[in-house]
């Protein structure tokens, strides 16, 4: 199966000397950094970790019940 890049919305905010960042579409994917560049790198890592963890959890559940897996596309 060919993998296509997934596009997410990153939001950044400066608060004092720190930047915070989060992914708008996925609750819990957030980070901070001393610079905007550092925050962007940290946010990509946080997103990859969440996606990888969700895949691992899903894989561990295989065989315990019936799964229907499909691609879902929405415009919001």
Protein backbone atom coordinates (compact mmCIF):
# COMPACT_ATOMS: atom_id res chain seq x y z
CA UNK A 1 0.00 0.00 0.00
CA UNK A 2 1.42 3.36 -1.01
CA UNK A 3 1.87 5.83 1.83
CA UNK A 4 0.84 9.44 1.25
CA UNK A 5 1.89 12.37 3.42
CA UNK A 6 -0.71 13.38 5.93
CA UNK A 7 -1.28 17.09 6.41
CA UNK A 8 -2.00 18.48 9.87
CA UNK A 9 -2.42 22.02 11.16
CA UNK A 10 0.36 23.15 13.50
CA UNK A 11 -0.42 26.13 15.74
CA UNK A 12 2.32 28.10 17.50
CA UNK A 13 2.16 30.77 20.19
CA UNK A 14 4.89 32.74 21.92
CA UNK A 15 4.41 33.23 25.64
CA UNK A 16 7.22 35.10 27.36
CA UNK A 17 10.52 33.51 26.37
CA UNK A 18 8.95 30.22 25.26
CA UNK A 19 7.01 28.99 22.25
CA UNK A 20 4.27 26.42 22.54
CA UNK A 21 2.88 24.40 19.68
CA UNK A 22 0.11 21.91 19.11
CA UNK A 23 -1.63 19.98 16.35
CA UNK A 24 -5.13 21.35 15.90
CA UNK A 25 -6.67 18.07 14.70
CA UNK A 26 -5.27 15.71 17.34
CA UNK A 27 -5.78 16.47 21.05
CA UNK A 28 -2.72 15.74 23.16
CA UNK A 29 -0.10 16.50 20.53
CA UNK A 30 1.60 19.53 22.00
CA UNK A 31 5.05 20.72 22.97
CA UNK A 32 7.20 23.73 23.74
CA UNK A 33 10.63 25.10 22.95
CA UNK A 34 12.89 28.07 23.50
CA UNK A 35 12.78 28.96 19.81
CA UNK A 36 10.16 28.56 17.10
CA UNK A 37 12.50 26.25 15.21
CA UNK A 38 13.00 24.03 18.27
CA UNK A 39 9.25 23.94 18.86
CA UNK A 40 8.60 22.85 15.26
CA UNK A 41 11.09 19.99 15.57
CA UNK A 42 9.61 18.97 18.94
CA UNK A 43 6.07 19.07 17.53
CA UNK A 44 6.93 16.79 14.59
CA UNK A 45 8.50 14.34 17.04
CA UNK A 46 5.45 14.48 19.34
CA UNK A 47 3.10 13.87 16.39
CA UNK A 48 5.16 10.92 15.14
CA UNK A 49 5.22 9.40 18.64
CA UNK A 50 1.44 9.68 19.03
CA UNK A 51 0.79 8.17 15.59
CA UNK A 52 3.26 5.33 16.24
CA UNK A 53 1.75 4.64 19.66
CA UNK A 54 -1.76 4.52 18.20
CA UNK A 55 -0.58 2.01 15.57
CA UNK A 56 1.04 -0.17 18.25
CA UNK A 57 -2.12 -0.13 20.38
CA UNK A 58 -4.21 -1.01 17.33
CA UNK A 59 -1.86 -3.86 16.35
CA UNK A 60 -1.97 -5.34 19.87
CA UNK A 61 -5.77 -5.41 19.67
CA UNK A 62 -5.83 -7.47 16.46
CA UNK A 63 -7.34 -10.90 16.88
CA UNK A 64 -9.34 -9.92 19.95
CA UNK A 65 -12.26 -8.61 17.95
CA UNK A 66 -13.34 -7.79 14.42
CA UNK A 67 -11.94 -4.56 13.01
CA UNK A 68 -13.10 -2.58 10.03
CA UNK A 69 -10.33 -0.30 8.83
CA UNK A 70 -10.90 2.29 6.11
CA UNK A 71 -9.64 5.66 4.99
CA UNK A 72 -11.80 8.57 6.01
CA UNK A 73 -11.68 11.94 4.31
CA UNK A 74 -13.35 15.06 5.63
CA UNK A 75 -13.22 18.73 4.81
CA UNK A 76 -13.68 20.81 7.92
